[in-house]
Amino acid sequence: MCHLPILTATMLLNCKKGTMNKTLEAVGLIGLIIIALVLLLALPFANIWALNTLFVALAIPYNFWTWLASAYLGMQFFGSTVTSKFNKG
């Protein structure tokens, strides 16, 4: 029963220590992936909201194309700040 992705507190207490650690690591990894996806989807809309709040005359609509444009601008301005441990040189 320890390998199920959704666990109750009693299930966690009944699991063996090694299995429980692997299960919690998997659940934590899935949680991080979900948080990253939510941020990836929400931040371009947050940029549009901020621009509409600061500059009311812009009246930028909330749709897929404005989200895509905002995401593209974010990648253009801040994409070069992302580094990798493999990209040393």
N, C-alpha and C. Protein backbone atom coordinates (compact mmCIF):
# COMPACT_ATOMS: atom_id res chain seq x y z
N MET A 1 0.81 -1.20 0.00
CA MET A 1 0.00 0.00 0.00
C MET A 1 0.86 1.27 0.00
N CYS A 2 2.15 1.17 0.21
CA CYS A 2 2.99 2.36 0.32
C CYS A 2 3.29 3.01 -1.02
N HIS A 3 3.05 2.33 -2.11
CA HIS A 3 3.41 2.84 -3.42
C HIS A 3 2.33 3.71 -4.04
N LEU A 4 1.20 3.91 -3.40
CA LEU A 4 0.12 4.72 -3.96
C LEU A 4 0.50 6.19 -3.92
N PRO A 5 0.14 6.97 -4.93
CA PRO A 5 0.50 8.38 -4.95
C PRO A 5 -0.25 9.21 -3.92
N ILE A 6 -1.45 8.81 -3.52
CA ILE A 6 -2.20 9.55 -2.50
C ILE A 6 -2.19 8.71 -1.23
N LEU A 7 -1.61 9.27 -0.18
CA LEU A 7 -1.44 8.52 1.07
C LEU A 7 -2.13 9.24 2.21
N THR A 8 -2.70 8.47 3.13
CA THR A 8 -3.25 9.04 4.34
C THR A 8 -2.19 8.97 5.43
N ALA A 9 -2.43 9.64 6.53
CA ALA A 9 -1.46 9.65 7.63
C ALA A 9 -1.25 8.26 8.20
N THR A 10 -2.29 7.46 8.31
CA THR A 10 -2.12 6.11 8.87
C THR A 10 -1.34 5.22 7.91
N MET A 11 -1.53 5.42 6.61
CA MET A 11 -0.76 4.65 5.64
C MET A 11 0.72 4.99 5.76
N LEU A 12 1.02 6.27 5.94
CA LEU A 12 2.42 6.67 6.07
C LEU A 12 3.05 6.07 7.31
N LEU A 13 2.29 5.99 8.40
CA LEU A 13 2.82 5.42 9.63
C LEU A 13 3.05 3.92 9.49
N ASN A 14 2.25 3.24 8.70
CA ASN A 14 2.38 1.80 8.53
C ASN A 14 3.44 1.39 7.52
N CYS A 15 3.92 2.29 6.71
CA CYS A 15 4.92 1.97 5.69
C CYS A 15 6.28 1.75 6.32
N LYS A 16 7.09 0.99 5.65
CA LYS A 16 8.46 0.83 6.09
C LYS A 16 9.21 2.12 5.82
N LYS A 17 10.27 2.35 6.57
CA LYS A 17 10.98 3.62 6.48
C LYS A 17 11.56 3.87 5.09
N GLY A 18 12.18 2.91 4.46
CA GLY A 18 12.77 3.09 3.14
C GLY A 18 11.73 3.37 2.07
N THR A 19 10.65 2.63 2.12
CA THR A 19 9.58 2.82 1.15
C THR A 19 8.92 4.17 1.35
N MET A 20 8.75 4.57 2.61
CA MET A 20 8.11 5.84 2.91
C MET A 20 8.96 7.00 2.39
N ASN A 21 10.26 6.93 2.56
CA ASN A 21 11.13 8.00 2.08
C ASN A 21 11.05 8.13 0.57
N LYS A 22 11.05 6.99 -0.14
CA LYS A 22 10.96 7.03 -1.61
C LYS A 22 9.61 7.60 -2.04
N THR A 23 8.55 7.22 -1.33
CA THR A 23 7.21 7.71 -1.67
C THR A 23 7.12 9.21 -1.43
N LEU A 24 7.64 9.68 -0.31
CA LEU A 24 7.61 11.11 -0.01
C LEU A 24 8.47 11.90 -0.99
N GLU A 25 9.58 11.34 -1.43
CA GLU A 25 10.41 12.00 -2.44
C GLU A 25 9.65 12.12 -3.75
N ALA A 26 8.94 11.07 -4.14
CA ALA A 26 8.16 11.10 -5.39
C ALA A 26 7.03 12.11 -5.29
N VAL A 27 6.33 12.14 -4.16
CA VAL A 27 5.25 13.09 -3.97
C VAL A 27 5.79 14.52 -3.98
N GLY A 28 6.94 14.72 -3.34
CA GLY A 28 7.56 16.05 -3.34
C GLY A 28 7.99 16.48 -4.72
N LEU A 29 8.52 15.57 -5.51
CA LEU A 29 8.92 15.88 -6.88
C LEU A 29 7.71 16.24 -7.74
N ILE A 30 6.64 15.48 -7.58
CA ILE A 30 5.41 15.78 -8.32
C ILE A 30 4.87 17.14 -7.90
N GLY A 31 4.95 17.45 -6.61
CA GLY A 31 4.50 18.74 -6.11
C GLY A 31 5.30 19.89 -6.70
N LEU A 32 6.61 19.72 -6.79
CA LEU A 32 7.45 20.77 -7.38
C LEU A 32 7.14 20.98 -8.86
N ILE A 33 6.88 19.89 -9.56
CA ILE A 33 6.53 19.99 -10.98
C ILE A 33 5.21 20.74 -11.14
N ILE A 34 4.23 20.44 -10.30
CA ILE A 34 2.94 21.11 -10.38
C ILE A 34 3.09 22.61 -10.07
N ILE A 35 3.88 22.95 -9.05
CA ILE A 35 4.11 24.36 -8.71
C ILE A 35 4.79 25.09 -9.87
N ALA A 36 5.78 24.45 -10.49
CA ALA A 36 6.48 25.07 -11.61
C ALA A 36 5.52 25.30 -12.78
N LEU A 37 4.65 24.34 -13.07
CA LEU A 37 3.69 24.51 -14.17
C LEU A 37 2.68 25.62 -13.88
N VAL A 38 2.22 25.69 -12.64
CA VAL A 38 1.27 26.76 -12.27
C VAL A 38 1.94 28.12 -12.41
N LEU A 39 3.17 28.25 -11.96
CA LEU A 39 3.89 29.52 -12.11
C LEU A 39 4.13 29.85 -13.57
N LEU A 40 4.47 28.86 -14.35
CA LEU A 40 4.70 29.08 -15.77
C LEU A 40 3.45 29.60 -16.46
N LEU A 41 2.30 29.11 -16.05
CA LEU A 41 1.05 29.57 -16.65
C LEU A 41 0.56 30.90 -16.06
N ALA A 42 0.82 31.15 -14.78
CA ALA A 42 0.25 32.31 -14.11
C ALA A 42 1.09 33.58 -14.27
N LEU A 43 2.39 33.47 -14.33
CA LEU A 43 3.23 34.67 -14.33
C LEU A 43 3.03 35.58 -15.55
N PRO A 44 2.89 35.05 -16.76
CA PRO A 44 2.59 35.97 -17.87
C PRO A 44 1.27 36.73 -17.68
N PHE A 45 0.25 36.08 -17.12
CA PHE A 45 -1.00 36.79 -16.84
C PHE A 45 -0.80 37.82 -15.73
N ALA A 46 0.08 37.53 -14.77
CA ALA A 46 0.39 38.51 -13.73
C ALA A 46 1.07 39.73 -14.33
N ASN A 47 1.91 39.55 -15.33
CA ASN A 47 2.53 40.68 -16.01
C ASN A 47 1.48 41.54 -16.73
N ILE A 48 0.55 40.89 -17.40
CA ILE A 48 -0.51 41.61 -18.10
C ILE A 48 -1.37 42.38 -17.09
N TRP A 49 -1.72 41.74 -15.98
CA TRP A 49 -2.50 42.39 -14.94
C TRP A 49 -1.77 43.61 -14.40
N ALA A 50 -0.46 43.46 -14.15
CA ALA A 50 0.32 44.58 -13.61
C ALA A 50 0.35 45.75 -14.59
N LEU A 51 0.55 45.46 -15.86
CA LEU A 51 0.55 46.53 -16.86
C LEU A 51 -0.81 47.20 -16.96
N ASN A 52 -1.89 46.42 -16.93
CA ASN A 52 -3.23 47.00 -16.98
C ASN A 52 -3.54 47.83 -15.74
N THR A 53 -2.99 47.44 -14.60
CA THR A 53 -3.22 48.20 -13.38
C THR A 53 -2.44 49.51 -13.39
N LEU A 54 -1.19 49.46 -13.82
CA LEU A 54 -0.37 50.67 -13.84
C LEU A 54 -0.77 51.64 -14.95
N PHE A 55 -1.10 51.09 -16.09
CA PHE A 55 -1.42 51.91 -17.26
C PHE A 55 -2.81 51.52 -17.74
N VAL A 56 -3.82 52.14 -17.19
CA VAL A 56 -5.21 51.78 -17.45
C VAL A 56 -5.56 51.94 -18.93
N ALA A 57 -4.95 52.90 -19.59
CA ALA A 57 -5.28 53.16 -20.99
C ALA A 57 -4.85 52.01 -21.91
N LEU A 58 -3.95 51.15 -21.47
CA LEU A 58 -3.51 50.04 -22.32
C LEU A 58 -4.65 49.07 -22.61
N ALA A 59 -5.39 48.70 -21.58
CA ALA A 59 -6.53 47.77 -21.69
C ALA A 59 -6.16 46.51 -22.47
N ILE A 60 -5.08 45.86 -22.06
CA ILE A 60 -4.63 44.63 -22.72
C ILE A 60 -5.61 43.51 -22.38
N PRO A 61 -6.14 42.81 -23.37
CA PRO A 61 -7.09 41.71 -23.08
C PRO A 61 -6.35 40.49 -22.52
N TYR A 62 -7.08 39.70 -21.75
CA TYR A 62 -6.54 38.46 -21.21
C TYR A 62 -6.94 37.32 -22.13
N ASN A 63 -6.05 36.90 -23.00
CA ASN A 63 -6.32 35.77 -23.87
C ASN A 63 -5.01 35.04 -24.15
N PHE A 64 -5.10 33.98 -24.93
CA PHE A 64 -3.94 33.15 -25.19
C PHE A 64 -2.83 33.93 -25.88
N TRP A 65 -3.18 34.81 -26.84
CA TRP A 65 -2.15 35.51 -27.61
C TRP A 65 -1.41 36.53 -26.77
N THR A 66 -2.10 37.22 -25.87
CA THR A 66 -1.38 38.15 -25.00
C THR A 66 -0.55 37.40 -23.97
N TRP A 67 -1.04 36.23 -23.54
CA TRP A 67 -0.24 35.40 -22.64
C TRP A 67 1.03 34.94 -23.34
N LEU A 68 0.89 34.50 -24.59
CA LEU A 68 2.04 34.04 -25.35
C LEU A 68 3.04 35.17 -25.58
N ALA A 69 2.55 36.36 -25.89
CA ALA A 69 3.43 37.50 -26.09
C ALA A 69 4.17 37.86 -24.81
N SER A 70 3.47 37.81 -23.68
CA SER A 70 4.10 38.11 -22.40
C SER A 70 5.14 37.05 -22.04
N ALA A 71 4.83 35.79 -22.29
CA ALA A 71 5.80 34.72 -22.02
C ALA A 71 7.02 34.87 -22.91
N TYR A 72 6.80 35.22 -24.18
CA TYR A 72 7.91 35.41 -25.11
C TYR A 72 8.81 36.56 -24.67
N LEU A 73 8.21 37.67 -24.27
CA LEU A 73 9.01 38.80 -23.79
C LEU A 73 9.79 38.43 -22.53
N GLY A 74 9.16 37.66 -21.65
CA GLY A 74 9.86 37.20 -20.46
C GLY A 74 11.06 36.34 -20.79
N MET A 75 10.91 35.47 -21.78
CA MET A 75 12.04 34.63 -22.20
C MET A 75 13.14 35.47 -22.85
N GLN A 76 12.74 36.49 -23.61
CA GLN A 76 13.74 37.33 -24.28
C GLN A 76 14.54 38.15 -23.28
N PHE A 77 13.86 38.71 -22.27
CA PHE A 77 14.54 39.56 -21.31
C PHE A 77 15.28 38.78 -20.23
N PHE A 78 14.72 37.66 -19.79
CA PHE A 78 15.30 36.96 -18.65
C PHE A 78 15.78 35.55 -18.97
N GLY A 79 15.69 35.11 -20.19
CA GLY A 79 16.13 33.76 -20.56
C GLY A 79 17.63 33.57 -20.45
N SER A 80 18.39 34.63 -20.64
CA SER A 80 19.85 34.50 -20.58
C SER A 80 20.37 34.40 -19.16
N THR A 81 19.51 34.66 -18.16
CA THR A 81 19.97 34.58 -16.77
C THR A 81 19.93 33.16 -16.23
N VAL A 82 19.30 32.25 -16.94
CA VAL A 82 19.23 30.85 -16.53
C VAL A 82 20.52 30.16 -16.94
N THR A 83 21.18 29.52 -15.98
CA THR A 83 22.42 28.81 -16.27
C THR A 83 22.28 27.35 -15.88
N SER A 84 23.18 26.56 -16.36
CA SER A 84 23.17 25.14 -16.07
C SER A 84 24.56 24.73 -15.58
N LYS A 85 24.60 23.70 -14.78
CA LYS A 85 25.90 23.24 -14.32
C LYS A 85 26.69 22.59 -15.47
N PHE A 86 26.00 22.21 -16.54
CA PHE A 86 26.66 21.62 -17.70
C PHE A 86 27.21 22.67 -18.66
N ASN A 87 26.81 23.92 -18.47
CA ASN A 87 27.16 24.98 -19.40
C ASN A 87 28.33 25.81 -18.84
N LYS A 88 29.30 25.18 -18.25
CA LYS A 88 30.48 25.89 -17.72
C LYS A 88 31.55 25.91 -18.79
N GLY A 89 32.00 27.10 -19.09
CA GLY A 89 33.05 27.09 -20.09
C GLY A 89 33.17 28.30 -20.83
